[in-house]
Amino acid sequence: MIFPQFGQSGTNWLSYGYNPDVDLSQYTHKAGYFGPRFKDRRPPGLYRISETQLVLDAQNRGEPAFVVPPCLTREVSEQILDAELARLSLGDTFVSMIRVMAAKESGALLNRPADIFNTLPRGKRGGKRFITAYGMFQWNRDAWRAELMKYYKAAGQSTQSNVKTMMSVDKNPYLSPIPYDQWGVTHQITLPVAKYAELYHSMERSFGAFWSVVGVNLWQHTPAAFNTWKANAQRRSPSVAWEGVTYQRKDAVFKHASKVVNV
């Protein structure tokens, strides 16, 4: 890996959070701090690591202000992803699926906000939706809640403040819906990949590799449709159950799976 190790005692800061004192300019995406869509224009509700005073000013105005590191280049992002996948040893088909998913969701970029990211209060969004999708796999607040709770519970830290923040954001919209400033490999790669692995391996023996890839990608789009399809597939067959899926982007899901497993 060309990406350096930062932090005390050689700790890789990527795994534990971002150090605002580290100069990331040489690893920042060439389009700009916030990636290909926003470039250097601030997404509604996001601020650069260095904008401490602007964050305080925004909070004083009653606006959310989430501090984030820069969107990294694809070269660096993919090196970090590949190193983590190699460490996890999850099988060639699964690894191929993850790489294709990363490319589809974010262009395989760490720290990329969604193209329509907007976390401003309802009255300041101009009728636009509240969008929190962020990172390599573009998970949003709702996708993160359950997985972070499981992660901290397993670590004996179920009362971590960042989980409390996520759980209370509906009552206080000025709290960060996701702890962006603490995101590293654990949050952006390891936990999503663990969820995908859980889903994939729950289907692989019964459904086969292709339909397992279809299932994981359907879950990424809509967990509700995935749950219905999986239950029907267990009673009948994956292909017959697929005919009953009404999700409007089901063809895109199927096409994506076909890029991973030839059918």
Foldseek 3Di string as FASTA:
>chain_A
DPDAADDPPSHRLQVWFDDLVDDCVVFAAPQAQQDDQQHPNDAAQEDEQPPVVVCVVCVVVVWAYAYAGGKGYQVVLVVLQVVVCVVVVQDDLLSLLVVLLLCVQANSIAFHADSNAHLTPPVPPVPDDHQAQTGSNRDGLVVVLVLVCVVCVVVVRNVDVQSVLLVCCVVRSNGDVHNNRGHHCVRRPVSVSVVLSVQLVVCCVPANSLLSSLLSLVCSVPVVLSVQLVVVCVVPNNVVSLVVRPPPCSVVSNVSSCVSPPD
